[in-house]
Amino acid sequence: MDEKELTENEKKKEYLKSYGKALRREQRILDEIQCLRLDKMFPSIVQDGMPHGSSQEDLSGYAATLDEMIEDLKKERLEKVKIRKKIEKSIRNLEDEDEQEVLRLRYISGLSWEEVAVEIGYAWAQTHRIHSSALKNLKMI
């Protein structure tokens, strides 16, 4: 999506959603690390009746790959913390506490609109009105 095509509210939503995206990137790296570890612990066994050579291989390649993935994870976690800190600061700068709470629950905690409405004790439509007002008042940092 071209930056010029985004409305101001769409830009703010993308800004707020960047934390959820960082969480998903972090989880993908964690999943990859888990798969790599499991593949090393439980290599697939070929049972085709044919003789096979030893499947033992040098662990240095595995260790190097794992180290690289862990470094990627560290970088992603640092980036996630920076993004959350910026968004939290933007949210804290809102004067209305309901607006702050709606944005926090939706974009930081990742709740659905129904869950946000229940949590703050307002009807779904009122929750969306608060969200709309919050977006209007939000200043991106």
N, C-alpha and C. Protein backbone atom coordinates (compact mmCIF):
# COMPACT_ATOMS: atom_id res chain seq x y z
N MET A 1 0.84 -1.18 0.00
CA MET A 1 0.00 0.00 0.00
C MET A 1 0.89 1.24 0.00
N ASP A 2 0.60 2.16 -0.89
CA ASP A 2 1.38 3.38 -1.03
C ASP A 2 1.08 4.30 0.15
N GLU A 3 2.12 4.85 0.75
CA GLU A 3 1.99 5.72 1.92
C GLU A 3 1.07 6.91 1.66
N LYS A 4 1.10 7.45 0.42
CA LYS A 4 0.28 8.61 0.10
C LYS A 4 -1.20 8.26 0.04
N GLU A 5 -1.51 6.99 -0.23
CA GLU A 5 -2.90 6.56 -0.36
C GLU A 5 -3.58 6.39 1.00
N LEU A 6 -2.80 6.26 2.04
CA LEU A 6 -3.38 6.02 3.36
C LEU A 6 -3.97 7.31 3.94
N THR A 7 -5.14 7.21 4.51
CA THR A 7 -5.70 8.35 5.22
C THR A 7 -4.97 8.48 6.55
N GLU A 8 -5.18 9.57 7.22
CA GLU A 8 -4.52 9.79 8.51
C GLU A 8 -4.88 8.69 9.51
N ASN A 9 -6.18 8.32 9.58
CA ASN A 9 -6.59 7.26 10.50
C ASN A 9 -5.99 5.92 10.11
N GLU A 10 -5.90 5.63 8.82
CA GLU A 10 -5.30 4.38 8.39
C GLU A 10 -3.82 4.33 8.76
N LYS A 11 -3.13 5.46 8.66
CA LYS A 11 -1.73 5.53 9.06
C LYS A 11 -1.60 5.24 10.55
N LYS A 12 -2.49 5.82 11.34
CA LYS A 12 -2.46 5.60 12.78
C LYS A 12 -2.76 4.15 13.13
N LYS A 13 -3.70 3.54 12.41
CA LYS A 13 -4.00 2.12 12.66
C LYS A 13 -2.80 1.25 12.32
N GLU A 14 -2.14 1.54 11.21
CA GLU A 14 -0.94 0.78 10.84
C GLU A 14 0.16 0.94 11.89
N TYR A 15 0.30 2.15 12.39
CA TYR A 15 1.26 2.44 13.45
C TYR A 15 0.94 1.58 14.68
N LEU A 16 -0.31 1.56 15.09
CA LEU A 16 -0.72 0.80 16.26
C LEU A 16 -0.61 -0.72 16.02
N LYS A 17 -0.88 -1.15 14.80
CA LYS A 17 -0.81 -2.58 14.48
C LYS A 17 0.63 -3.08 14.38
N SER A 18 1.59 -2.18 14.30
CA SER A 18 2.98 -2.60 14.14
C SER A 18 3.46 -3.44 15.32
N TYR A 19 2.87 -3.25 16.49
CA TYR A 19 3.26 -4.07 17.65
C TYR A 19 2.81 -5.51 17.45
N GLY A 20 1.58 -5.71 17.01
CA GLY A 20 1.09 -7.06 16.75
C GLY A 20 1.90 -7.76 15.67
N LYS A 21 2.31 -7.01 14.67
CA LYS A 21 3.15 -7.58 13.61
C LYS A 21 4.50 -8.01 14.17
N ALA A 22 5.06 -7.20 15.06
CA ALA A 22 6.33 -7.56 15.69
C ALA A 22 6.18 -8.82 16.53
N LEU A 23 5.07 -8.95 17.23
CA LEU A 23 4.80 -10.17 18.01
C LEU A 23 4.75 -11.39 17.10
N ARG A 24 4.09 -11.26 15.96
CA ARG A 24 3.98 -12.39 15.03
C ARG A 24 5.34 -12.75 14.42
N ARG A 25 6.16 -11.74 14.11
CA ARG A 25 7.50 -12.02 13.58
C ARG A 25 8.33 -12.78 14.62
N GLU A 26 8.24 -12.34 15.87
CA GLU A 26 8.96 -13.00 16.96
C GLU A 26 8.50 -14.46 17.08
N GLN A 27 7.20 -14.69 17.02
CA GLN A 27 6.66 -16.04 17.15
C GLN A 27 7.11 -16.94 16.00
N ARG A 28 7.19 -16.38 14.78
CA ARG A 28 7.67 -17.16 13.64
C ARG A 28 9.11 -17.63 13.86
N ILE A 29 9.94 -16.75 14.39
CA ILE A 29 11.33 -17.13 14.66
C ILE A 29 11.38 -18.21 15.74
N LEU A 30 10.58 -18.04 16.79
CA LEU A 30 10.53 -19.05 17.84
C LEU A 30 10.07 -20.41 17.28
N ASP A 31 9.09 -20.38 16.40
CA ASP A 31 8.61 -21.61 15.78
C ASP A 31 9.70 -22.27 14.93
N GLU A 32 10.44 -21.45 14.19
CA GLU A 32 11.53 -21.98 13.37
C GLU A 32 12.61 -22.62 14.24
N ILE A 33 12.93 -21.98 15.35
CA ILE A 33 13.93 -22.53 16.27
C ILE A 33 13.44 -23.86 16.82
N GLN A 34 12.19 -23.91 17.21
CA GLN A 34 11.61 -25.14 17.74
C GLN A 34 11.67 -26.26 16.70
N CYS A 35 11.31 -25.95 15.45
CA CYS A 35 11.37 -26.95 14.37
C CYS A 35 12.79 -27.44 14.15
N LEU A 36 13.75 -26.52 14.15
CA LEU A 36 15.14 -26.89 13.96
C LEU A 36 15.60 -27.83 15.07
N ARG A 37 15.25 -27.51 16.29
CA ARG A 37 15.63 -28.37 17.43
C ARG A 37 14.97 -29.74 17.34
N LEU A 38 13.69 -29.76 16.99
CA LEU A 38 12.99 -31.04 16.87
C LEU A 38 13.56 -31.88 15.73
N ASP A 39 13.87 -31.23 14.61
CA ASP A 39 14.45 -31.96 13.48
C ASP A 39 15.79 -32.59 13.86
N LYS A 40 16.54 -31.91 14.71
CA LYS A 40 17.84 -32.44 15.13
C LYS A 40 17.65 -33.57 16.14
N MET A 41 16.67 -33.44 17.01
CA MET A 41 16.42 -34.46 18.02
C MET A 41 15.77 -35.71 17.42
N PHE A 42 14.86 -35.50 16.47
CA PHE A 42 14.11 -36.61 15.89
C PHE A 42 14.20 -36.57 14.37
N PRO A 43 15.37 -36.90 13.82
CA PRO A 43 15.48 -36.86 12.36
C PRO A 43 14.53 -37.89 11.74
N SER A 44 14.03 -37.56 10.58
CA SER A 44 13.11 -38.49 9.93
C SER A 44 13.86 -39.76 9.55
N ILE A 45 13.19 -40.86 9.66
CA ILE A 45 13.81 -42.16 9.40
C ILE A 45 13.24 -42.70 8.10
N VAL A 46 14.12 -43.03 7.18
CA VAL A 46 13.71 -43.59 5.90
C VAL A 46 13.70 -45.10 6.05
N GLN A 47 12.55 -45.72 5.85
CA GLN A 47 12.46 -47.17 5.97
C GLN A 47 12.01 -47.75 4.63
N ASP A 48 12.95 -47.75 3.70
CA ASP A 48 12.62 -48.26 2.37
C ASP A 48 13.29 -49.60 2.08
N GLY A 49 13.92 -50.19 3.11
CA GLY A 49 14.55 -51.50 2.94
C GLY A 49 15.93 -51.43 2.32
N MET A 50 16.37 -50.29 1.91
CA MET A 50 17.68 -50.14 1.26
C MET A 50 18.72 -49.74 2.32
N PRO A 51 19.94 -50.18 2.15
CA PRO A 51 20.97 -49.79 3.11
C PRO A 51 21.31 -48.30 2.96
N HIS A 52 21.56 -47.67 4.05
CA HIS A 52 21.91 -46.25 4.07
C HIS A 52 23.16 -46.05 4.89
N GLY A 53 23.93 -45.06 4.51
CA GLY A 53 25.12 -44.72 5.27
C GLY A 53 24.72 -44.05 6.57
N SER A 54 25.67 -43.80 7.38
CA SER A 54 25.40 -43.14 8.65
C SER A 54 24.84 -41.75 8.39
N SER A 55 23.83 -41.39 9.16
CA SER A 55 23.24 -40.07 8.99
C SER A 55 23.87 -39.05 9.94
N GLN A 56 24.93 -39.47 10.60
CA GLN A 56 25.61 -38.56 11.51
C GLN A 56 26.26 -37.45 10.70
N GLU A 57 26.09 -36.25 11.13
CA GLU A 57 26.70 -35.12 10.43
C GLU A 57 27.33 -34.20 11.45
N ASP A 58 28.14 -33.33 10.96
CA ASP A 58 28.82 -32.37 11.81
C ASP A 58 27.79 -31.45 12.46
N LEU A 59 27.86 -31.30 13.76
CA LEU A 59 26.92 -30.45 14.49
C LEU A 59 27.23 -28.97 14.35
N SER A 60 28.37 -28.63 13.76
CA SER A 60 28.73 -27.21 13.67
C SER A 60 27.76 -26.44 12.78
N GLY A 61 27.26 -27.07 11.72
CA GLY A 61 26.28 -26.41 10.86
C GLY A 61 24.98 -26.14 11.59
N TYR A 62 24.54 -27.13 12.35
CA TYR A 62 23.33 -26.99 13.17
C TYR A 62 23.51 -25.87 14.20
N ALA A 63 24.65 -25.90 14.89
CA ALA A 63 24.92 -24.90 15.93
C ALA A 63 24.99 -23.50 15.34
N ALA A 64 25.62 -23.38 14.18
CA ALA A 64 25.73 -22.06 13.54
C ALA A 64 24.35 -21.54 13.13
N THR A 65 23.53 -22.44 12.57
CA THR A 65 22.18 -22.04 12.17
C THR A 65 21.36 -21.63 13.39
N LEU A 66 21.46 -22.42 14.45
CA LEU A 66 20.73 -22.11 15.69
C LEU A 66 21.19 -20.78 16.27
N ASP A 67 22.49 -20.54 16.30
CA ASP A 67 23.03 -19.27 16.81
C ASP A 67 22.51 -18.09 16.00
N GLU A 68 22.47 -18.26 14.68
CA GLU A 68 21.97 -17.20 13.80
C GLU A 68 20.50 -16.91 14.09
N MET A 69 19.73 -17.96 14.26
CA MET A 69 18.30 -17.77 14.55
C MET A 69 18.09 -17.12 15.91
N ILE A 70 18.90 -17.47 16.88
CA ILE A 70 18.78 -16.86 18.22
C ILE A 70 19.15 -15.39 18.14
N GLU A 71 20.15 -15.05 17.34
CA GLU A 71 20.51 -13.63 17.15
C GLU A 71 19.35 -12.87 16.50
N ASP A 72 18.72 -13.50 15.50
CA ASP A 72 17.55 -12.89 14.86
C ASP A 72 16.45 -12.66 15.89
N LEU A 73 16.26 -13.63 16.76
CA LEU A 73 15.24 -13.52 17.80
C LEU A 73 15.54 -12.36 18.75
N LYS A 74 16.80 -12.23 19.14
CA LYS A 74 17.19 -11.12 20.02
C LYS A 74 16.90 -9.78 19.36
N LYS A 75 17.27 -9.66 18.08
CA LYS A 75 17.03 -8.40 17.36
C LYS A 75 15.53 -8.12 17.25
N GLU A 76 14.75 -9.14 16.96
CA GLU A 76 13.30 -8.96 16.83
C GLU A 76 12.68 -8.56 18.16
N ARG A 77 13.14 -9.16 19.24
CA ARG A 77 12.62 -8.81 20.57
C ARG A 77 12.96 -7.38 20.93
N LEU A 78 14.15 -6.94 20.59
CA LEU A 78 14.55 -5.55 20.86
C LEU A 78 13.67 -4.60 20.05
N GLU A 79 13.45 -4.93 18.79
CA GLU A 79 12.60 -4.10 17.93
C GLU A 79 11.18 -4.06 18.48
N LYS A 80 10.67 -5.19 18.93
CA LYS A 80 9.32 -5.27 19.50
C LYS A 80 9.19 -4.36 20.72
N VAL A 81 10.20 -4.37 21.58
CA VAL A 81 10.18 -3.53 22.78
C VAL A 81 10.18 -2.05 22.39
N LYS A 82 10.99 -1.68 21.39
CA LYS A 82 11.03 -0.29 20.94
C LYS A 82 9.68 0.15 20.39
N ILE A 83 9.06 -0.71 19.59
CA ILE A 83 7.76 -0.39 19.01
C ILE A 83 6.72 -0.22 20.11
N ARG A 84 6.70 -1.16 21.05
CA ARG A 84 5.71 -1.08 22.14
C ARG A 84 5.91 0.19 22.96
N LYS A 85 7.15 0.53 23.23
CA LYS A 85 7.44 1.73 24.02
C LYS A 85 6.91 2.98 23.32
N LYS A 86 7.13 3.08 22.00
CA LYS A 86 6.64 4.23 21.24
C LYS A 86 5.10 4.29 21.27
N ILE A 87 4.48 3.16 21.03
CA ILE A 87 3.02 3.12 21.00
C ILE A 87 2.45 3.44 22.38
N GLU A 88 3.02 2.86 23.41
CA GLU A 88 2.56 3.14 24.78
C GLU A 88 2.67 4.63 25.11
N LYS A 89 3.75 5.25 24.68
CA LYS A 89 3.92 6.68 24.93
C LYS A 89 2.84 7.48 24.21
N SER A 90 2.56 7.11 22.96
CA SER A 90 1.50 7.79 22.21
C SER A 90 0.15 7.64 22.91
N ILE A 91 -0.12 6.43 23.38
CA ILE A 91 -1.40 6.16 24.06
C ILE A 91 -1.49 6.94 25.36
N ARG A 92 -0.40 6.94 26.14
CA ARG A 92 -0.41 7.67 27.42
C ARG A 92 -0.63 9.17 27.23
N ASN A 93 -0.27 9.70 26.07
CA ASN A 93 -0.45 11.13 25.81
C ASN A 93 -1.90 11.51 25.53
N LEU A 94 -2.76 10.53 25.33
CA LEU A 94 -4.19 10.83 25.17
C LEU A 94 -4.76 11.28 26.51
N GLU A 95 -5.64 12.27 26.48
CA GLU A 95 -6.22 12.78 27.73
C GLU A 95 -7.31 11.88 28.27
N ASP A 96 -8.10 11.28 27.40
CA ASP A 96 -9.24 10.46 27.81
C ASP A 96 -8.79 9.03 28.16
N GLU A 97 -9.10 8.60 29.39
CA GLU A 97 -8.69 7.28 29.84
C GLU A 97 -9.40 6.16 29.09
N ASP A 98 -10.66 6.37 28.70
CA ASP A 98 -11.36 5.35 27.92
C ASP A 98 -10.68 5.15 26.57
N GLU A 99 -10.26 6.24 25.96
CA GLU A 99 -9.55 6.16 24.68
C GLU A 99 -8.24 5.38 24.86
N GLN A 100 -7.53 5.69 25.93
CA GLN A 100 -6.28 4.98 26.22
C GLN A 100 -6.55 3.48 26.37
N GLU A 101 -7.56 3.16 27.14
CA GLU A 101 -7.86 1.75 27.43
C GLU A 101 -8.28 0.99 26.17
N VAL A 102 -9.10 1.61 25.35
CA VAL A 102 -9.52 0.95 24.10
C VAL A 102 -8.31 0.64 23.22
N LEU A 103 -7.43 1.61 23.04
CA LEU A 103 -6.26 1.39 22.19
C LEU A 103 -5.32 0.34 22.80
N ARG A 104 -5.13 0.40 24.11
CA ARG A 104 -4.26 -0.58 24.77
C ARG A 104 -4.81 -2.00 24.62
N LEU A 105 -6.10 -2.15 24.90
CA LEU A 105 -6.71 -3.48 24.83
C LEU A 105 -6.70 -4.03 23.41
N ARG A 106 -6.99 -3.17 22.46
CA ARG A 106 -7.08 -3.61 21.06
C ARG A 106 -5.71 -3.87 20.44
N TYR A 107 -4.77 -2.94 20.60
CA TYR A 107 -3.52 -3.02 19.86
C TYR A 107 -2.34 -3.58 20.66
N ILE A 108 -2.36 -3.45 21.96
CA ILE A 108 -1.26 -4.00 22.77
C ILE A 108 -1.65 -5.41 23.26
N SER A 109 -2.85 -5.54 23.83
CA SER A 109 -3.28 -6.84 24.33
C SER A 109 -3.84 -7.74 23.23
N GLY A 110 -4.22 -7.15 22.09
CA GLY A 110 -4.68 -7.93 20.95
C GLY A 110 -6.08 -8.50 21.10
N LEU A 111 -6.92 -7.85 21.91
CA LEU A 111 -8.28 -8.35 22.11
C LEU A 111 -9.16 -8.05 20.89
N SER A 112 -10.19 -8.86 20.72
CA SER A 112 -11.18 -8.60 19.67
C SER A 112 -12.04 -7.42 20.09
N TRP A 113 -12.81 -6.87 19.14
CA TRP A 113 -13.68 -5.74 19.48
C TRP A 113 -14.69 -6.13 20.55
N GLU A 114 -15.22 -7.32 20.46
CA GLU A 114 -16.20 -7.78 21.46
C GLU A 114 -15.56 -7.86 22.84
N GLU A 115 -14.33 -8.37 22.90
CA GLU A 115 -13.63 -8.48 24.18
C GLU A 115 -13.30 -7.09 24.74
N VAL A 116 -12.93 -6.17 23.86
CA VAL A 116 -12.65 -4.79 24.32
C VAL A 116 -13.91 -4.18 24.91
N ALA A 117 -15.04 -4.33 24.22
CA ALA A 117 -16.31 -3.77 24.69
C ALA A 117 -16.67 -4.33 26.06
N VAL A 118 -16.52 -5.64 26.24
CA VAL A 118 -16.84 -6.27 27.53
C VAL A 118 -15.90 -5.75 28.60
N GLU A 119 -14.63 -5.68 28.28
CA GLU A 119 -13.61 -5.26 29.25
C GLU A 119 -13.85 -3.84 29.76
N ILE A 120 -14.22 -2.93 28.86
CA ILE A 120 -14.42 -1.54 29.29
C ILE A 120 -15.86 -1.26 29.73
N GLY A 121 -16.75 -2.22 29.47
CA GLY A 121 -18.12 -2.08 29.95
C GLY A 121 -19.01 -1.19 29.10
N TYR A 122 -18.70 -1.07 27.82
CA TYR A 122 -19.53 -0.28 26.91
C TYR A 122 -20.08 -1.19 25.81
N ALA A 123 -21.12 -0.72 25.16
CA ALA A 123 -21.66 -1.44 24.01
C ALA A 123 -20.64 -1.40 22.87
N TRP A 124 -20.78 -2.34 21.95
CA TRP A 124 -19.87 -2.46 20.83
C TRP A 124 -19.81 -1.15 20.04
N ALA A 125 -20.96 -0.54 19.76
CA ALA A 125 -21.01 0.70 18.97
C ALA A 125 -20.30 1.84 19.71
N GLN A 126 -20.52 1.94 21.02
CA GLN A 126 -19.86 2.98 21.81
C GLN A 126 -18.34 2.76 21.84
N THR A 127 -17.95 1.51 21.91
CA THR A 127 -16.53 1.17 21.88
C THR A 127 -15.89 1.67 20.59
N HIS A 128 -16.59 1.50 19.48
CA HIS A 128 -16.07 1.97 18.20
C HIS A 128 -16.04 3.50 18.13
N ARG A 129 -17.00 4.15 18.74
CA ARG A 129 -16.97 5.62 18.78
C ARG A 129 -15.76 6.11 19.59
N ILE A 130 -15.50 5.43 20.70
CA ILE A 130 -14.33 5.79 21.52
C ILE A 130 -13.05 5.56 20.71
N HIS A 131 -13.00 4.45 19.98
CA HIS A 131 -11.84 4.14 19.14
C HIS A 131 -11.63 5.22 18.09
N SER A 132 -12.71 5.61 17.44
CA SER A 132 -12.63 6.65 16.41
C SER A 132 -12.11 7.96 16.99
N SER A 133 -12.61 8.32 18.16
CA SER A 133 -12.14 9.53 18.83
C SER A 133 -10.68 9.41 19.22
N ALA A 134 -10.30 8.23 19.69
CA ALA A 134 -8.91 8.00 20.09
C ALA A 134 -7.97 8.15 18.91
N LEU A 135 -8.38 7.60 17.76
CA LEU A 135 -7.54 7.74 16.56
C LEU A 135 -7.38 9.20 16.16
N LYS A 136 -8.48 9.95 16.27
CA LYS A 136 -8.44 11.36 15.91
C LYS A 136 -7.47 12.12 16.82
N ASN A 137 -7.44 11.76 18.10
CA ASN A 137 -6.64 12.48 19.08
C ASN A 137 -5.20 11.95 19.20
N LEU A 138 -4.94 10.76 18.67
CA LEU A 138 -3.64 10.13 18.80
C LEU A 138 -2.57 10.88 17.99
N LYS A 139 -1.43 11.07 18.62
CA LYS A 139 -0.26 11.65 17.95
C LYS A 139 0.79 10.57 17.83
N MET A 140 1.17 10.27 16.61
CA MET A 140 2.21 9.26 16.39
C MET A 140 3.58 9.83 16.76
N ILE A 141 4.35 9.04 17.45
CA ILE A 141 5.69 9.48 17.88
C ILE A 141 6.73 8.86 16.99
